[in-house]
Amino acid sequence: MKTSKIFFFVLGAVLAALLTWWLAGGTQAAAGTSAAGERSALDVIMTRTSVRAYRDCPVGSDTVELLLRAAMAAPSAMNRQPWAFVVVDDKALLQKFADSLQYAKMAASAPLAVVVCADLTRNPGASGDWWVMDASAASENLLLAAHAVGLGAVWTGVYPRSERVKAVRSILGLPGSVVPLNVIPVGYPAENPEPKQKWNPGNILRNGWTR
């Protein structure tokens, strides 16, 4: 009987501890962080910065899928979603990016890169370069997601420089209807650069171009 009482006392204590932990996690989630200590969206936005050096460590396929899911959650004009994403983890191709693109030298040391493209065949009826905004929104989502999960990444521009578009098309064998917007090397950071302070009230105007 005594043993039974001890058992139920311990069981009750464990359940109480679990309930306390669960409630604390719910409170944290409501405040913008999870029980796992994930940062709030605003913190991720404010602390993201370009990372150009990476550790020799692969990025798991589940993590890559998470980045792409975040990218595809971006807004898109009329929900056309003209974007396409080429994930490149072949070392020879990454070296070709480094050799062919002046500002993508870091691709050679990255475990992978994501090339954000627009497939113009999936953007019927759109006039002008509206796809640029869609693909840019997707790219920013990808960069923020990378930072949120402890990765580093950097946007290296391709479009609208014709020679860069031609180089990436050649490296990846892209058809003429597919336009690469950028190459984003991704990896676990080997450096921790401080985010640049970009807040400037002087860039804000109200109700017209008056100061």
Foldseek 3Di string as FASTA:
>chain_A
DVVVVVVVVVVVVVVVVVVVLVVVQVVQVVVQAGSVGFHHLVVLVQWFDAFLAADPDADDPVLVVVLQVQLQVFDAVVSLSQKDKDKDQDLVLLCLCLVQAVPSVSSNRFRIKIWIKGQQVSVPPDPDPSVLVSSVRSVVSSSSSLVRVQKHKDWAAQPPPPSSQVSVCVSVVPDPSMTTGTIMGMHHHPDRDGDDDDDDCVVDDPPDPDD
